[in-house]
Amino acid sequence: MRNKHHTFKGAASAAPHFLYIGGKPMRRFKHLSKSDRIRIETLNNDGKTPKEIAEAVGVHISTIYRELQRGQYTHRNSDWTEETRYSSDLSEMKYRANLAAKGADLKIGNDHRLAEYIETKIADEKYSPEAVLGEIKAQGLQFNTEIKSKNTIYSYIEKGIFLRLTNKNLPVKGDKKRSYHKVQTQKRAPKGESIEKRPEIIGERSTFGHWEMDTVVSARPGKAAILVLTERLTRNEITAKLPDKSAASVVQALDDLEKEWGELFPRVFQTITVDNGSEFADCPGIERSILAEGSRTKCYYCHPYSSYERGSNENLNKMIRRWLPKGTNFDEIGAEVIQTITNWLNNYPRKILGFLPASAVFQEQMDALLGA
């Protein structure tokens, strides 16, 4: 694929900024070795910042902050003044003693690499325990210990086995899955074609190029919103920060997206399903092409109060809220933050995809499309 389809470039400050599966990948887990700790001590003594140390060692900055705290001690100088220093030896000793002290007979035993891997994924990358185990299996990662059940990890967290994991690190559990009945009547007519007229094959999620679209709103007094498009088959996500939650901003965002994808747009974005929110009121604007005569996509509207008809959007929006909880003012959130979240979403191991990331499955579909 050509590079322009990997990263959407930013426009003027008032225009939406598109974010896709490109950019730097999420930094992979790296277990700190004794030599890493010695290097951290040297760099710290040289006056390097935690960010500079993280880049030099190749780990997340939160790992460095945690490491510096673990190996912290008070040093008394010859003039009897005191200063805080970091000792790689002290940190290594504390690290190796922790799990053994909390339970040598546990299944995880003294597998410190696995313990820190789990901590990093859940605390830093906001994975669920099930996603952690799924990624280990999907990528064929090898550890001294094998944990087969997510309940084992939940149990360890409850018992306080991990250094820095508590129940607060776990995704908020949603309500029990509800059973729904087919809607027989509509409370008001949709602004365009009803989902009832959408081809059944789209609902089966067996074909590529059919999307759901929604917005995640800012807390007041913020006006900005995040436009979220989710491809139904692959669950791959594209986001754009909107200056406000208006129909005009949504259409402008889609216009910018069409410019980036060019002639491929109608093939990749065959249909878009939305709810009856006011931001999606301009059906002709959503559907019409700015590059050619005719339409660029087909828009279908859900029944009123039936958000479950956009199941992919609803689930992924909950995942976005792990990073941007309700109460967040999106006016204060930069494009780089949204890019990080979008990359995280598209690289997150998805159970429904055999714990493959959505970006990989989307890439396969794009390769097949371009090869056709």
Protein backbone atom coordinates (compact mmCIF):
# COMPACT_ATOMS: atom_id res chain seq x y z
CA MET A 1 0.00 0.00 0.00
CA ARG A 2 1.08 3.53 -0.63
CA ASN A 3 2.27 5.44 2.37
CA LYS A 4 -0.51 8.01 2.32
CA HIS A 5 -2.92 5.35 3.48
CA HIS A 6 -0.90 4.67 6.60
CA THR A 7 -0.94 8.10 8.25
CA PHE A 8 -3.44 10.89 7.78
CA LYS A 9 -1.73 14.25 7.95
CA GLY A 10 -3.00 17.12 10.07
CA ALA A 11 -4.72 20.09 8.48
CA ALA A 12 -5.21 23.59 9.81
CA SER A 13 -5.79 23.91 13.53
CA ALA A 14 -9.56 24.25 13.12
CA ALA A 15 -9.82 21.25 10.80
CA PRO A 16 -10.02 17.63 11.95
CA HIS A 17 -6.80 15.69 12.38
CA PHE A 18 -7.06 12.12 11.11
CA LEU A 19 -5.24 9.31 12.84
CA TYR A 20 -4.81 5.82 11.45
CA ILE A 21 -2.82 2.66 12.15
CA GLY A 22 0.46 4.25 11.18
CA GLY A 23 2.93 6.13 13.32
CA LYS A 24 5.24 4.56 15.85
CA PRO A 25 3.99 1.23 17.16
CA MET A 26 3.31 0.77 20.84
CA ARG A 27 6.62 0.08 22.60
CA ARG A 28 6.99 -3.61 23.28
CA PHE A 29 7.50 -5.01 26.76
CA LYS A 30 11.10 -5.24 27.89
CA HIS A 31 12.20 -6.85 31.13
CA LEU A 32 14.84 -4.82 32.96
CA SER A 33 18.02 -6.82 33.42
CA LYS A 34 20.78 -6.17 35.92
CA SER A 35 22.81 -4.44 33.17
CA ASP A 36 19.80 -2.24 32.36
CA ARG A 37 19.64 -1.15 36.00
CA ILE A 38 23.35 -0.35 36.01
CA ARG A 39 22.87 1.75 32.89
CA ILE A 40 19.93 3.54 34.49
CA GLU A 41 22.09 4.31 37.52
CA THR A 42 24.86 5.71 35.30
CA LEU A 43 22.49 7.87 33.26
CA ASN A 44 20.73 9.10 36.40
CA ASN A 45 24.05 10.07 37.96
CA ASP A 46 24.89 11.95 34.75
CA GLY A 47 21.79 14.09 35.27
CA LYS A 48 19.64 12.61 32.51
CA THR A 49 15.88 13.06 32.78
CA PRO A 50 13.56 10.04 33.14
CA LYS A 51 12.38 10.62 29.56
CA GLU A 52 15.97 10.56 28.26
CA ILE A 53 16.74 7.44 30.28
CA ALA A 54 13.61 5.69 28.97
CA GLU A 55 14.60 6.43 25.37
CA ALA A 56 18.16 5.22 25.96
CA VAL A 57 17.12 1.96 27.64
CA GLY A 58 14.11 1.40 25.36
CA VAL A 59 11.32 1.21 27.91
CA HIS A 60 8.21 3.19 28.83
CA ILE A 61 8.89 6.30 30.92
CA SER A 62 6.63 4.95 33.68
CA THR A 63 9.01 1.99 34.02
CA ILE A 64 11.86 4.41 34.71
CA TYR A 65 9.87 6.37 37.31
CA ARG A 66 8.95 3.11 39.02
CA GLU A 67 12.53 1.85 38.86
CA LEU A 68 14.01 5.03 40.31
CA GLN A 69 11.54 4.87 43.18
CA ARG A 70 12.30 1.21 43.86
CA GLY A 71 16.06 1.79 44.09
CA GLN A 72 15.85 5.06 45.99
CA TYR A 73 17.92 5.65 49.13
CA THR A 74 19.22 8.59 51.15
CA HIS A 75 22.95 9.32 50.84
CA ARG A 76 24.77 11.43 53.45
CA ASN A 77 27.58 13.59 52.08
CA SER A 78 30.82 14.45 53.86
CA ASP A 79 29.36 17.79 54.94
CA TRP A 80 26.44 15.91 56.53
CA THR A 81 23.95 17.11 53.94
CA GLU A 82 21.63 14.47 52.54
CA GLU A 83 20.51 13.74 48.99
CA THR A 84 18.33 11.11 47.35
CA ARG A 85 20.11 8.67 45.05
CA TYR A 86 19.33 5.54 43.04
CA SER A 87 21.11 2.21 43.54
CA SER A 88 20.87 -0.50 40.88
CA ASP A 89 21.94 -3.10 43.47
CA LEU A 90 19.19 -2.07 45.90
CA SER A 91 16.56 -2.10 43.18
CA GLU A 92 17.60 -5.53 41.93
CA MET A 93 17.50 -6.92 45.45
CA LYS A 94 14.00 -5.53 46.12
CA TYR A 95 12.72 -6.73 42.77
CA ARG A 96 13.87 -10.32 43.26
CA ALA A 97 12.69 -10.48 46.84
CA ASN A 98 9.17 -9.23 46.26
CA LEU A 99 7.38 -12.15 44.64
CA ALA A 100 9.19 -14.71 46.73
CA ALA A 101 8.15 -12.86 49.88
CA LYS A 102 4.52 -12.73 48.77
CA GLY A 103 4.17 -16.36 47.90
CA ALA A 104 6.82 -18.75 46.62
CA ASP A 105 4.23 -21.49 46.23
CA LEU A 106 2.11 -19.48 43.82
CA LYS A 107 1.80 -20.69 40.25
CA ILE A 108 3.70 -17.65 39.02
CA GLY A 109 6.47 -18.66 41.41
CA ASN A 110 9.66 -16.73 40.79
CA ASP A 111 8.91 -15.96 37.16
CA HIS A 112 9.76 -12.28 37.47
CA ARG A 113 9.70 -11.72 33.70
CA LEU A 114 6.11 -12.89 33.46
CA ALA A 115 5.09 -10.87 36.52
CA GLU A 116 6.53 -7.65 35.14
CA TYR A 117 5.11 -8.38 31.69
CA ILE A 118 1.63 -8.67 33.18
CA GLU A 119 2.15 -5.51 35.24
CA THR A 120 3.36 -3.53 32.23
CA LYS A 121 0.47 -4.59 30.02
CA ILE A 122 -2.25 -3.92 32.58
CA ALA A 123 -0.85 -0.85 34.37
CA ASP A 124 0.82 0.96 31.46
CA GLU A 125 -1.04 -0.25 28.38
CA LYS A 126 -4.45 -0.76 30.04
CA TYR A 127 -4.91 -4.35 28.87
CA SER A 128 -7.43 -6.64 30.48
CA PRO A 129 -6.07 -9.89 32.00
CA GLU A 130 -7.74 -11.83 29.19
CA ALA A 131 -6.05 -9.67 26.55
CA VAL A 132 -2.65 -10.21 28.20
CA LEU A 133 -2.98 -14.00 28.06
CA GLY A 134 -4.40 -13.83 24.54
CA GLU A 135 -1.44 -11.81 23.30
CA ILE A 136 1.05 -14.19 24.92
CA LYS A 137 -0.58 -17.10 23.09
CA ALA A 138 -1.06 -15.31 19.75
CA GLN A 139 2.55 -14.11 19.64
CA GLY A 140 4.03 -17.33 20.98
CA LEU A 141 5.82 -15.58 23.84
CA GLN A 142 7.76 -17.88 26.14
CA PHE A 143 7.95 -17.63 29.93
CA ASN A 144 9.01 -20.08 32.62
CA THR A 145 5.44 -20.25 33.89
CA GLU A 146 2.20 -20.79 31.96
CA ILE A 147 -0.99 -19.15 33.17
CA LYS A 148 -4.02 -20.44 31.30
CA SER A 149 -6.89 -18.68 33.03
CA LYS A 150 -7.61 -14.96 33.34
CA ASN A 151 -9.13 -15.75 36.74
CA THR A 152 -5.65 -16.61 38.01
CA ILE A 153 -4.49 -13.07 37.27
CA TYR A 154 -7.62 -11.59 38.84
CA SER A 155 -6.91 -13.69 41.94
CA TYR A 156 -3.28 -12.52 42.12
CA ILE A 157 -4.40 -8.90 41.88
CA GLU A 158 -6.95 -9.45 44.68
CA LYS A 159 -4.22 -10.97 46.87
CA GLY A 160 -1.79 -8.11 46.22
CA ILE A 161 0.80 -10.34 44.58
CA PHE A 162 1.88 -7.77 42.00
CA LEU A 163 3.99 -4.78 42.91
CA ARG A 164 1.79 -2.13 41.35
CA LEU A 165 -1.53 -3.68 40.36
CA THR A 166 -4.82 -3.20 42.17
CA ASN A 167 -8.44 -3.51 41.07
CA LYS A 168 -8.26 0.14 40.05
CA ASN A 169 -6.05 -0.90 37.13
CA LEU A 170 -8.71 -3.22 35.73
CA PRO A 171 -11.20 -2.14 33.05
CA VAL A 172 -14.54 -1.11 34.50
CA LYS A 173 -16.96 -3.98 34.17
CA GLY A 174 -20.04 -3.08 32.17
CA ASP A 175 -23.59 -4.14 32.75
CA LYS A 176 -24.60 -7.69 32.01
CA LYS A 177 -25.30 -8.20 28.35
CA ARG A 178 -28.91 -7.38 27.67
CA SER A 179 -31.22 -9.28 25.37
CA TYR A 180 -32.85 -7.16 22.73
CA HIS A 181 -35.92 -7.62 20.61
CA LYS A 182 -36.31 -6.48 17.05
CA VAL A 183 -37.75 -2.99 16.87
CA GLN A 184 -41.20 -3.05 15.32
CA THR A 185 -42.00 0.65 15.30
CA GLN A 186 -39.95 3.82 15.12
CA LYS A 187 -40.44 6.80 17.39
CA ARG A 188 -39.38 9.14 14.60
CA ALA A 189 -38.27 8.80 11.03
CA PRO A 190 -34.50 8.65 10.45
CA LYS A 191 -32.81 11.43 8.51
CA GLY A 192 -31.82 9.04 5.72
CA GLU A 193 -32.11 5.37 4.85
CA SER A 194 -33.20 3.20 7.81
CA ILE A 195 -31.03 0.32 8.98
CA GLU A 196 -33.98 -1.90 8.12
CA LYS A 197 -33.06 -1.41 4.46
CA ARG A 198 -29.39 -2.22 5.00
CA PRO A 199 -28.40 -5.50 3.26
CA GLU A 200 -28.40 -8.41 5.71
CA ILE A 201 -24.87 -9.43 4.69
CA ILE A 202 -23.54 -6.25 6.32
CA GLY A 203 -25.02 -7.32 9.64
CA GLU A 204 -23.20 -10.65 9.35
CA ARG A 205 -19.77 -8.94 9.45
CA SER A 206 -18.53 -11.21 6.68
CA THR A 207 -17.52 -8.55 4.17
CA PHE A 208 -15.03 -5.68 4.31
CA GLY A 209 -15.71 -1.98 3.88
CA HIS A 210 -18.71 -1.38 6.13
CA TRP A 211 -18.28 1.08 9.00
CA GLU A 212 -19.99 2.39 12.11
CA MET A 213 -19.58 6.04 13.05
CA ASP A 214 -20.09 7.78 16.39
CA THR A 215 -18.78 10.64 18.50
CA VAL A 216 -17.23 10.70 21.96
CA VAL A 217 -18.15 13.97 23.62
CA SER A 218 -16.13 16.28 25.83
CA ALA A 219 -17.00 17.34 29.33
CA ARG A 220 -18.25 20.89 29.69
CA PRO A 221 -17.17 23.55 29.05
CA GLY A 222 -15.25 21.83 26.27
CA LYS A 223 -16.75 21.90 22.78
CA ALA A 224 -14.42 19.47 21.00
CA ALA A 225 -15.45 15.91 20.20
CA ILE A 226 -13.80 12.80 18.82
CA LEU A 227 -15.27 11.28 15.66
CA VAL A 228 -14.88 7.50 15.69
CA LEU A 229 -15.20 5.24 12.63
CA THR A 230 -15.03 1.47 13.19
CA GLU A 231 -14.74 -1.06 10.36
CA ARG A 232 -17.22 -3.81 11.22
CA LEU A 233 -15.26 -6.85 9.99
CA THR A 234 -11.78 -5.98 11.28
CA ARG A 235 -12.74 -3.65 14.18
CA ASN A 236 -10.05 -1.26 12.96
CA GLU A 237 -10.62 2.29 14.09
CA ILE A 238 -10.07 5.72 12.57
CA THR A 239 -10.52 8.83 14.70
CA ALA A 240 -10.63 12.57 14.16
CA LYS A 241 -10.72 15.39 16.67
CA LEU A 242 -13.58 17.74 15.80
CA PRO A 243 -13.70 21.40 16.87
CA ASP A 244 -17.32 20.85 17.89
CA LYS A 245 -20.11 18.28 17.71
CA SER A 246 -21.90 19.72 14.70
CA ALA A 247 -23.12 18.21 11.45
CA ALA A 248 -20.87 20.58 9.52
CA SER A 249 -17.77 19.39 11.41
CA VAL A 250 -18.63 15.74 10.74
CA VAL A 251 -19.05 16.38 7.01
CA GLN A 252 -15.79 18.36 6.91
CA ALA A 253 -14.01 15.47 8.62
CA LEU A 254 -15.33 13.01 6.03
CA ASP A 255 -14.33 15.40 3.24
CA ASP A 256 -10.76 15.44 4.58
CA LEU A 257 -10.81 11.67 4.90
CA GLU A 258 -11.95 11.30 1.28
CA LYS A 259 -9.12 13.58 0.14
CA GLU A 260 -6.62 11.30 1.88
CA TRP A 261 -8.01 8.07 0.44
CA GLY A 262 -8.81 9.46 -2.98
CA GLU A 263 -10.33 7.02 -5.46
CA LEU A 264 -10.08 4.20 -2.90
CA PHE A 265 -12.61 5.83 -0.59
CA PRO A 266 -15.79 4.35 -2.15
CA ARG A 267 -14.24 0.86 -2.08
CA VAL A 268 -13.02 1.05 1.52
CA PHE A 269 -15.99 3.01 2.93
CA GLN A 270 -18.89 1.34 1.15
CA THR A 271 -21.43 1.99 3.91
CA ILE A 272 -21.50 3.91 7.19
CA THR A 273 -24.06 3.21 9.94
CA VAL A 274 -24.83 6.00 12.42
CA ASP A 275 -27.32 6.82 15.15
CA ASN A 276 -29.86 9.65 15.08
CA GLY A 277 -27.62 12.22 16.76
CA SER A 278 -27.81 15.78 15.48
CA GLU A 279 -24.17 15.60 14.36
CA PHE A 280 -25.20 13.08 11.69
CA ALA A 281 -28.20 15.08 10.45
CA ASP A 282 -26.63 16.01 7.10
CA CYS A 283 -27.15 12.73 5.26
CA PRO A 284 -26.58 14.24 1.77
CA GLY A 285 -23.32 15.81 3.01
CA ILE A 286 -22.13 12.50 4.46
CA GLU A 287 -22.89 10.59 1.27
CA ARG A 288 -21.88 12.98 -1.50
CA SER A 289 -18.37 12.91 -2.96
CA ILE A 290 -16.20 16.00 -3.25
CA LEU A 291 -13.88 14.33 -5.76
CA ALA A 292 -16.32 12.91 -8.29
CA GLU A 293 -19.92 13.03 -9.40
CA GLY A 294 -22.34 11.04 -7.28
CA SER A 295 -21.92 9.53 -3.82
CA ARG A 296 -18.85 8.34 -1.94
CA THR A 297 -20.68 6.09 0.53
CA LYS A 298 -24.13 4.94 1.66
CA CYS A 299 -25.36 6.03 5.09
CA TYR A 300 -27.80 4.00 7.20
CA TYR A 301 -29.48 5.22 10.38
CA CYS A 302 -30.16 3.08 13.45
CA HIS A 303 -33.53 3.03 15.15
CA PRO A 304 -33.89 5.73 17.82
CA TYR A 305 -32.50 4.68 21.23
CA SER A 306 -30.96 1.53 19.74
CA SER A 307 -27.23 2.09 20.13
CA TYR A 308 -26.70 -1.69 20.29
CA GLU A 309 -27.23 -1.70 16.51
CA ARG A 310 -23.73 -0.21 16.37
CA GLY A 311 -22.13 -2.79 18.64
CA SER A 312 -18.54 -2.26 17.49
CA ASN A 313 -18.66 1.49 18.13
CA GLU A 314 -20.20 1.04 21.56
CA ASN A 315 -17.53 -1.42 22.71
CA LEU A 316 -14.60 0.58 21.35
CA ASN A 317 -15.93 3.81 22.82
CA LYS A 318 -15.79 2.14 26.23
CA MET A 319 -12.14 1.28 25.54
CA ILE A 320 -11.43 4.92 24.66
CA ARG A 321 -12.88 5.89 28.04
CA ARG A 322 -10.11 3.89 29.75
CA TRP A 323 -7.80 6.70 28.62
CA LEU A 324 -10.24 9.62 28.51
CA PRO A 325 -12.73 9.06 31.34
CA LYS A 326 -15.96 11.00 31.54
CA GLY A 327 -15.20 14.46 32.81
CA THR A 328 -12.25 14.98 30.42
CA ASN A 329 -12.21 18.28 28.55
CA PHE A 330 -11.24 17.39 24.97
CA ASP A 331 -10.34 21.01 24.23
CA GLU A 332 -7.24 20.37 26.34
CA ILE A 333 -6.31 17.07 24.65
CA GLY A 334 -3.73 17.29 21.86
CA ALA A 335 -3.65 15.29 18.63
CA GLU A 336 -0.66 13.27 19.84
CA VAL A 337 -2.70 11.94 22.77
CA ILE A 338 -5.53 10.85 20.49
CA GLN A 339 -2.98 9.28 18.14
CA THR A 340 -1.53 7.25 21.00
CA ILE A 341 -5.00 6.03 21.98
CA THR A 342 -5.90 5.18 18.38
CA ASN A 343 -2.69 3.20 17.90
CA TRP A 344 -3.35 1.42 21.19
CA LEU A 345 -6.87 0.48 20.09
CA ASN A 346 -5.71 -0.87 16.74
CA ASN A 347 -2.83 -2.82 18.29
CA TYR A 348 -4.86 -4.22 21.20
CA PRO A 349 -5.24 -8.05 21.00
CA ARG A 350 -8.91 -8.70 20.26
CA LYS A 351 -10.50 -11.94 21.43
CA ILE A 352 -13.00 -11.92 18.57
CA LEU A 353 -10.06 -11.81 16.11
CA GLY A 354 -8.20 -14.69 17.74
CA PHE A 355 -6.27 -12.13 19.81
CA LEU A 356 -4.79 -10.56 16.70
CA PRO A 357 -4.72 -6.75 16.58
CA ALA A 358 -7.30 -5.03 14.40
CA SER A 359 -4.52 -3.28 12.46
CA ALA A 360 -3.12 -6.61 11.22
CA VAL A 361 -6.53 -7.89 10.08
CA PHE A 362 -7.30 -4.55 8.43
CA GLN A 363 -3.97 -4.68 6.60
CA GLU A 364 -4.80 -8.16 5.28
CA GLN A 365 -8.12 -6.90 3.94
CA MET A 366 -6.47 -3.88 2.32
CA ASP A 367 -3.84 -6.09 0.67
CA ALA A 368 -6.61 -8.31 -0.69
CA LEU A 369 -8.54 -5.27 -1.92
CA LEU A 370 -5.54 -3.73 -3.68
CA GLY A 371 -4.62 -7.08 -5.18
CA ALA A 372 -8.09 -7.60 -6.61
